Amino acid sequence: MAECPKFVAGGSPWSFSAFKPEAAIGFAVGNPMNLAMVIGVYAAIYRELDVAFDFSGLQGAYDALYQVTDANVLGAAFE
């Protein structure tokens, strides 16, 4: 599939880029779905309970690749 744009362009003066982050993170007022905020709340709860901060999920989730990009970087790419 990655070769498809090169084939279609066929020497034309245009190019192709694909943005495929699984999540975009950044500063967002009032956004309760911000991944960084969720991790921060999780860490604060652990600190308050005086519990070691660790990953509480399954090993497969810990080992998985999860691609994240900053919202400002992604936005700048479209300017």
C-alpha atoms as a PDB file:
ATOM      1  CA  MET A   1       0.000   0.000   0.000  1.00  0.00           C
ATOM      2  CA  ALA A   2       2.858   2.398   0.764  1.00  0.00           C
ATOM      3  CA  GLU A   3       4.041   2.112  -2.833  1.00  0.00           C
ATOM      4  CA  CYS A   4       0.605   2.962  -4.253  1.00  0.00           C
ATOM      5  CA  PRO A   5       1.013   6.802  -4.158  1.00  0.00           C
ATOM      6  CA  LYS A   6       4.347   6.539  -5.998  1.00  0.00           C
ATOM      7  CA  PHE A   7       2.702   4.401  -8.653  1.00  0.00           C
ATOM      8  CA  VAL A   8      -0.280   6.755  -9.047  1.00  0.00           C
ATOM      9  CA  ALA A   9       1.893   9.895  -9.113  1.00  0.00           C
ATOM     10  CA  GLY A  10       3.894   8.510 -12.019  1.00  0.00           C
ATOM     11  CA  GLY A  11       6.343  11.429 -12.124  1.00  0.00           C
ATOM     12  CA  SER A  12       3.719  14.089 -11.304  1.00  0.00           C
ATOM     13  CA  PRO A  13       4.872  17.056  -9.162  1.00  0.00           C
ATOM     14  CA  TRP A  14       2.848  16.031  -6.098  1.00  0.00           C
ATOM     15  CA  SER A  15       3.715  13.874  -3.104  1.00  0.00           C
ATOM     16  CA  PHE A  16       1.871  11.883  -0.470  1.00  0.00           C
ATOM     17  CA  SER A  17       2.167  11.796   3.327  1.00  0.00           C
ATOM     18  CA  ALA A  18       0.191   9.698   5.788  1.00  0.00           C
ATOM     19  CA  PHE A  19      -0.330  10.636   9.420  1.00  0.00           C
ATOM     20  CA  LYS A  20      -1.219   7.607  11.480  1.00  0.00           C
ATOM     21  CA  PRO A  21      -0.847   8.417  15.185  1.00  0.00           C
ATOM     22  CA  GLU A  22      -3.158   6.390  17.390  1.00  0.00           C
ATOM     23  CA  ALA A  23      -3.559   9.365  19.714  1.00  0.00           C
ATOM     24  CA  ALA A  24      -2.874  13.075  19.724  1.00  0.00           C
ATOM     25  CA  ILE A  25      -1.979  14.618  23.067  1.00  0.00           C
ATOM     26  CA  GLY A  26      -1.598  18.211  24.096  1.00  0.00           C
ATOM     27  CA  PHE A  27      -3.020  21.024  26.164  1.00  0.00           C
ATOM     28  CA  ALA A  28      -6.815  21.074  25.952  1.00  0.00           C
ATOM     29  CA  VAL A  29      -8.866  23.045  28.479  1.00  0.00           C
ATOM     30  CA  GLY A  30     -11.877  21.088  29.667  1.00  0.00           C
ATOM     31  CA  ASN A  31     -10.994  17.943  27.737  1.00  0.00           C
ATOM     32  CA  PRO A  32     -11.438  14.968  30.089  1.00  0.00           C
ATOM     33  CA  MET A  33     -10.059  12.551  27.491  1.00  0.00           C
ATOM     34  CA  ASN A  34      -6.511  13.920  27.449  1.00  0.00           C
ATOM     35  CA  LEU A  35      -4.139  10.954  27.896  1.00  0.00           C
ATOM     36  CA  ALA A  36      -1.528  12.996  29.769  1.00  0.00           C
ATOM     37  CA  MET A  37      -4.169  14.174  32.253  1.00  0.00           C
ATOM     38  CA  VAL A  38      -5.362  10.619  32.876  1.00  0.00           C
ATOM     39  CA  ILE A  39      -1.816   9.447  33.603  1.00  0.00           C
ATOM     40  CA  GLY A  40      -1.300  12.468  35.886  1.00  0.00           C
ATOM     41  CA  VAL A  41      -4.466  11.722  37.884  1.00  0.00           C
ATOM     42  CA  TYR A  42      -3.442   8.070  38.144  1.00  0.00           C
ATOM     43  CA  ALA A  43      -0.012   9.095  39.454  1.00  0.00           C
ATOM     44  CA  ALA A  44      -1.523  11.581  41.933  1.00  0.00           C
ATOM     45  CA  ILE A  45      -3.848   8.928  43.359  1.00  0.00           C
ATOM     46  CA  TYR A  46      -0.936   6.517  43.786  1.00  0.00           C
ATOM     47  CA  ARG A  47       1.132   9.237  45.483  1.00  0.00           C
ATOM     48  CA  GLU A  48      -1.726  10.084  47.854  1.00  0.00           C
ATOM     49  CA  LEU A  49      -2.149   6.406  48.735  1.00  0.00           C
ATOM     50  CA  ASP A  50       1.649   6.040  49.134  1.00  0.00           C
ATOM     51  CA  VAL A  51       1.663   3.195  46.611  1.00  0.00           C
ATOM     52  CA  ALA A  52       4.450   2.494  44.121  1.00  0.00           C
ATOM     53  CA  PHE A  53       3.626   3.973  40.698  1.00  0.00           C
ATOM     54  CA  ASP A  54       3.553   1.069  38.251  1.00  0.00           C
ATOM     55  CA  PHE A  55       1.640  -0.228  35.252  1.00  0.00           C
ATOM     56  CA  SER A  56      -1.468  -2.032  36.427  1.00  0.00           C
ATOM     57  CA  GLY A  57      -2.508  -3.560  33.084  1.00  0.00           C
ATOM     58  CA  LEU A  58      -1.695  -6.792  31.353  1.00  0.00           C
ATOM     59  CA  GLN A  59       1.808  -7.620  30.101  1.00  0.00           C
ATOM     60  CA  GLY A  60       0.589  -7.654  26.497  1.00  0.00           C
ATOM     61  CA  ALA A  61      -0.689  -4.082  26.838  1.00  0.00           C
ATOM     62  CA  TYR A  62       2.608  -3.001  28.427  1.00  0.00           C
ATOM     63  CA  ASP A  63       4.617  -4.508  25.564  1.00  0.00           C
ATOM     64  CA  ALA A  64       2.389  -3.112  22.796  1.00  0.00           C
ATOM     65  CA  LEU A  65       3.536  -0.260  20.569  1.00  0.00           C
ATOM     66  CA  TYR A  66       1.266   2.796  20.889  1.00  0.00           C
ATOM     67  CA  GLN A  67       2.101   5.768  18.700  1.00  0.00           C
ATOM     68  CA  VAL A  68       1.317   9.221  20.067  1.00  0.00           C
ATOM     69  CA  THR A  69       1.951  12.645  18.584  1.00  0.00           C
ATOM     70  CA  ASP A  70       1.702  16.137  19.996  1.00  0.00           C
ATOM     71  CA  ALA A  71      -1.393  18.007  18.782  1.00  0.00           C
ATOM     72  CA  ASN A  72       0.688  21.091  17.914  1.00  0.00           C
ATOM     73  CA  VAL A  73       3.115  19.068  15.781  1.00  0.00           C
ATOM     74  CA  LEU A  74       0.259  17.364  13.961  1.00  0.00           C
ATOM     75  CA  GLY A  75      -1.513  20.676  13.402  1.00  0.00           C
ATOM     76  CA  ALA A  76       1.644  22.332  12.080  1.00  0.00           C
ATOM     77  CA  ALA A  77       1.979  19.582   9.486  1.00  0.00           C
ATOM     78  CA  PHE A  78      -1.303  20.717   7.945  1.00  0.00           C
ATOM     79  CA  GLU A  79      -0.396  24.415   7.695  1.00  0.00           C
END
